[in-house]
Amino acid sequence: MTDTTMTTPGNAGWIGHSGPDMEQAKAFYADVLGWKIAELPMQDGSSHSAIMVNEAPIGGFSPMPEDSGSWTVFVTVEDVDACAGKAEKAGATVLTPPMDMPGVGRMATLLDPQGARFAVITYESMQS
């Protein structure tokens, strides 16, 4: 068995929840799945509500409300810009173009040709 980490290209290393009420979503998943939710400090002084499993973050809850709830899987790639461009040429829709998130990395959000939302990310620790 090989060791796969968040920064292994191809790994679905993070899940993100978006919805109309972050606090309600956090309470629901903590109750139903037994998830521990921790506030992780961000580089800009804010915090991010992270899903913790065995004391390690595996995902989080977006503070930006959306009309309906959804999950987004973040797949690690070596080059977000190249991947987003390749995906668009293959029929994907770019929802959020490649952007830098200080303290996290570079990411983009896409819809595949079937309409499924996913994101690609290159963590800061992977960038040279």
C-alpha atoms as a PDB file:
ATOM      1  CA  MET A   1       0.000   0.000   0.000  1.00  0.00           C
ATOM      2  CA  THR A   2       1.394   3.407  -0.898  1.00  0.00           C
ATOM      3  CA  ASP A   3       1.196   6.568   1.153  1.00  0.00           C
ATOM      4  CA  THR A   4      -0.962   9.232  -0.496  1.00  0.00           C
ATOM      5  CA  THR A   5      -1.037  12.764   0.866  1.00  0.00           C
ATOM      6  CA  MET A   6      -2.950  15.924   0.022  1.00  0.00           C
ATOM      7  CA  THR A   7      -0.049  17.053  -2.178  1.00  0.00           C
ATOM      8  CA  THR A   8       0.121  13.859  -4.254  1.00  0.00           C
ATOM      9  CA  PRO A   9      -0.955  14.782  -7.820  1.00  0.00           C
ATOM     10  CA  GLY A  10      -4.162  12.990  -8.733  1.00  0.00           C
ATOM     11  CA  ASN A  11      -5.291  12.653  -5.120  1.00  0.00           C
ATOM     12  CA  ALA A  12      -8.707  13.984  -4.142  1.00  0.00           C
ATOM     13  CA  GLY A  13      -7.083  15.508  -1.079  1.00  0.00           C
ATOM     14  CA  TRP A  14      -9.753  17.968   0.109  1.00  0.00           C
ATOM     15  CA  ILE A  15     -13.543  18.242   0.153  1.00  0.00           C
ATOM     16  CA  GLY A  16     -15.342  21.539   0.452  1.00  0.00           C
ATOM     17  CA  HIS A  17     -18.942  22.198   1.462  1.00  0.00           C
ATOM     18  CA  SER A  18     -20.874  25.227   0.223  1.00  0.00           C
ATOM     19  CA  GLY A  19     -24.434  26.068   1.153  1.00  0.00           C
ATOM     20  CA  PRO A  20     -26.842  28.667   2.488  1.00  0.00           C
ATOM     21  CA  ASP A  21     -26.056  28.145   6.218  1.00  0.00           C
ATOM     22  CA  MET A  22     -22.533  27.107   7.186  1.00  0.00           C
ATOM     23  CA  GLU A  23     -23.319  26.790  10.905  1.00  0.00           C
ATOM     24  CA  GLN A  24     -26.276  24.497  10.232  1.00  0.00           C
ATOM     25  CA  ALA A  25     -24.163  22.363   7.870  1.00  0.00           C
ATOM     26  CA  LYS A  26     -21.348  22.060  10.418  1.00  0.00           C
ATOM     27  CA  ALA A  27     -23.798  20.981  13.141  1.00  0.00           C
ATOM     28  CA  PHE A  28     -25.487  18.458  10.813  1.00  0.00           C
ATOM     29  CA  TYR A  29     -22.257  16.726   9.742  1.00  0.00           C
ATOM     30  CA  ALA A  30     -20.774  16.792  13.249  1.00  0.00           C
ATOM     31  CA  ASP A  31     -23.915  15.035  14.515  1.00  0.00           C
ATOM     32  CA  VAL A  32     -24.523  12.609  11.640  1.00  0.00           C
ATOM     33  CA  LEU A  33     -20.929  11.661  10.760  1.00  0.00           C
ATOM     34  CA  GLY A  34     -19.245  12.445  14.062  1.00  0.00           C
ATOM     35  CA  TRP A  35     -16.884  14.931  12.423  1.00  0.00           C
ATOM     36  CA  LYS A  36     -14.874  17.234  14.633  1.00  0.00           C
ATOM     37  CA  ILE A  37     -14.890  20.780  13.248  1.00  0.00           C
ATOM     38  CA  ALA A  38     -11.924  23.005  14.098  1.00  0.00           C
ATOM     39  CA  GLU A  39     -11.193  26.606  13.255  1.00  0.00           C
ATOM     40  CA  LEU A  40      -7.852  26.690  11.435  1.00  0.00           C
ATOM     41  CA  PRO A  41      -6.029  30.034  11.321  1.00  0.00           C
ATOM     42  CA  MET A  42      -5.424  31.495   7.866  1.00  0.00           C
ATOM     43  CA  GLN A  43      -2.535  33.676   6.756  1.00  0.00           C
ATOM     44  CA  ASP A  44      -4.747  36.793   6.573  1.00  0.00           C
ATOM     45  CA  GLY A  45      -5.785  36.472  10.229  1.00  0.00           C
ATOM     46  CA  SER A  46      -9.174  34.871   9.515  1.00  0.00           C
ATOM     47  CA  SER A  47     -10.016  31.231  10.211  1.00  0.00           C
ATOM     48  CA  HIS A  48     -11.457  28.362   8.168  1.00  0.00           C
ATOM     49  CA  SER A  49     -13.888  25.767   9.524  1.00  0.00           C
ATOM     50  CA  ALA A  50     -12.078  22.503   8.834  1.00  0.00           C
ATOM     51  CA  ILE A  51     -13.292  18.916   9.025  1.00  0.00           C
ATOM     52  CA  MET A  52     -10.852  16.975  11.180  1.00  0.00           C
ATOM     53  CA  VAL A  53     -10.247  13.226  11.012  1.00  0.00           C
ATOM     54  CA  ASN A  54      -7.530  11.795  13.266  1.00  0.00           C
ATOM     55  CA  GLU A  55      -6.407  15.356  14.043  1.00  0.00           C
ATOM     56  CA  ALA A  56      -5.773  16.126  10.361  1.00  0.00           C
ATOM     57  CA  PRO A  57      -7.916  18.382   8.143  1.00  0.00           C
ATOM     58  CA  ILE A  58      -9.623  16.598   5.244  1.00  0.00           C
ATOM     59  CA  GLY A  59     -11.982  19.355   4.113  1.00  0.00           C
ATOM     60  CA  GLY A  60     -13.880  22.412   5.181  1.00  0.00           C
ATOM     61  CA  PHE A  61     -16.938  24.615   5.032  1.00  0.00           C
ATOM     62  CA  SER A  62     -17.088  27.713   2.843  1.00  0.00           C
ATOM     63  CA  PRO A  63     -18.055  30.911   4.637  1.00  0.00           C
ATOM     64  CA  MET A  64     -19.515  32.280   1.377  1.00  0.00           C
ATOM     65  CA  PRO A  65     -23.237  31.370   1.220  1.00  0.00           C
ATOM     66  CA  GLU A  66     -24.646  29.678  -1.874  1.00  0.00           C
ATOM     67  CA  ASP A  67     -28.301  29.109  -2.785  1.00  0.00           C
ATOM     68  CA  SER A  68     -28.122  25.336  -2.366  1.00  0.00           C
ATOM     69  CA  GLY A  69     -25.753  22.937  -0.690  1.00  0.00           C
ATOM     70  CA  SER A  70     -23.072  21.051  -2.561  1.00  0.00           C
ATOM     71  CA  TRP A  71     -19.731  19.366  -2.090  1.00  0.00           C
ATOM     72  CA  THR A  72     -16.671  20.035  -4.223  1.00  0.00           C
ATOM     73  CA  VAL A  73     -13.774  17.605  -4.449  1.00  0.00           C
ATOM     74  CA  PHE A  74     -10.359  19.281  -4.796  1.00  0.00           C
ATOM     75  CA  VAL A  75      -7.976  17.194  -6.894  1.00  0.00           C
ATOM     76  CA  THR A  76      -4.272  17.934  -6.552  1.00  0.00           C
ATOM     77  CA  VAL A  77      -2.477  18.794  -9.795  1.00  0.00           C
ATOM     78  CA  GLU A  78       1.029  19.997 -10.589  1.00  0.00           C
ATOM     79  CA  ASP A  79      -0.124  23.009 -12.663  1.00  0.00           C
ATOM     80  CA  VAL A  80      -3.586  24.505 -12.092  1.00  0.00           C
ATOM     81  CA  ASP A  81      -3.430  26.826 -15.106  1.00  0.00           C
ATOM     82  CA  ALA A  82      -2.442  24.061 -17.531  1.00  0.00           C
ATOM     83  CA  CYS A  83      -5.047  21.681 -16.103  1.00  0.00           C
ATOM     84  CA  ALA A  84      -7.852  24.264 -16.267  1.00  0.00           C
ATOM     85  CA  GLY A  85      -6.925  25.083 -19.859  1.00  0.00           C
ATOM     86  CA  LYS A  86      -6.843  21.410 -20.824  1.00  0.00           C
ATOM     87  CA  ALA A  87     -10.189  20.815 -19.114  1.00  0.00           C
ATOM     88  CA  GLU A  88     -11.791  23.751 -20.925  1.00  0.00           C
ATOM     89  CA  LYS A  89     -10.530  22.461 -24.285  1.00  0.00           C
ATOM     90  CA  ALA A  90     -12.031  19.071 -23.402  1.00  0.00           C
ATOM     91  CA  GLY A  91     -15.477  20.605 -22.814  1.00  0.00           C
ATOM     92  CA  ALA A  92     -15.370  21.748 -19.168  1.00  0.00           C
ATOM     93  CA  THR A  93     -16.747  25.099 -18.010  1.00  0.00           C
ATOM     94  CA  VAL A  94     -14.483  27.246 -15.865  1.00  0.00           C
ATOM     95  CA  LEU A  95     -16.550  28.476 -12.896  1.00  0.00           C
ATOM     96  CA  THR A  96     -13.671  30.146 -11.053  1.00  0.00           C
ATOM     97  CA  PRO A  97     -10.525  30.790 -13.075  1.00  0.00           C
ATOM     98  CA  PRO A  98      -7.128  29.937 -11.604  1.00  0.00           C
ATOM     99  CA  MET A  99      -6.432  32.126  -8.593  1.00  0.00           C
ATOM    100  CA  ASP A 100      -4.011  32.264  -5.696  1.00  0.00           C
ATOM    101  CA  MET A 101      -5.243  31.821  -2.147  1.00  0.00           C
ATOM    102  CA  PRO A 102      -2.479  33.014   0.200  1.00  0.00           C
ATOM    103  CA  GLY A 103      -1.432  30.365   2.673  1.00  0.00           C
ATOM    104  CA  VAL A 104      -3.148  27.602   0.676  1.00  0.00           C
ATOM    105  CA  GLY A 105      -2.147  27.530  -2.993  1.00  0.00           C
ATOM    106  CA  ARG A 106      -3.466  28.071  -6.512  1.00  0.00           C
ATOM    107  CA  MET A 107      -6.888  26.696  -7.450  1.00  0.00           C
ATOM    108  CA  ALA A 108      -9.673  26.741 -10.038  1.00  0.00           C
ATOM    109  CA  THR A 109     -13.262  25.426  -9.983  1.00  0.00           C
ATOM    110  CA  LEU A 110     -14.735  23.698 -13.026  1.00  0.00           C
ATOM    111  CA  LEU A 111     -17.804  21.864 -14.310  1.00  0.00           C
ATOM    112  CA  ASP A 112     -17.010  18.725 -16.264  1.00  0.00           C
ATOM    113  CA  PRO A 113     -18.866  18.096 -19.563  1.00  0.00           C
ATOM    114  CA  GLN A 114     -21.520  16.156 -17.586  1.00  0.00           C
ATOM    115  CA  GLY A 115     -22.147  19.122 -15.244  1.00  0.00           C
ATOM    116  CA  ALA A 116     -20.301  17.798 -12.175  1.00  0.00           C
ATOM    117  CA  ARG A 117     -18.421  20.435 -10.178  1.00  0.00           C
ATOM    118  CA  PHE A 118     -14.825  19.818  -9.129  1.00  0.00           C
ATOM    119  CA  ALA A 119     -11.771  21.878  -8.319  1.00  0.00           C
ATOM    120  CA  VAL A 120      -8.067  21.540  -9.005  1.00  0.00           C
ATOM    121  CA  ILE A 121      -5.381  22.763  -6.628  1.00  0.00           C
ATOM    122  CA  THR A 122      -1.633  23.111  -6.369  1.00  0.00           C
ATOM    123  CA  TYR A 123      -0.709  23.682  -2.737  1.00  0.00           C
ATOM    124  CA  GLU A 124       1.836  26.362  -1.858  1.00  0.00           C
ATOM    125  CA  SER A 125       4.131  23.680  -0.466  1.00  0.00           C
ATOM    126  CA  MET A 126       4.314  22.154  -3.975  1.00  0.00           C
ATOM    127  CA  GLN A 127       5.270  25.422  -5.703  1.00  0.00           C
ATOM    128  CA  SER A 128       8.944  26.160  -6.216  1.00  0.00           C
END
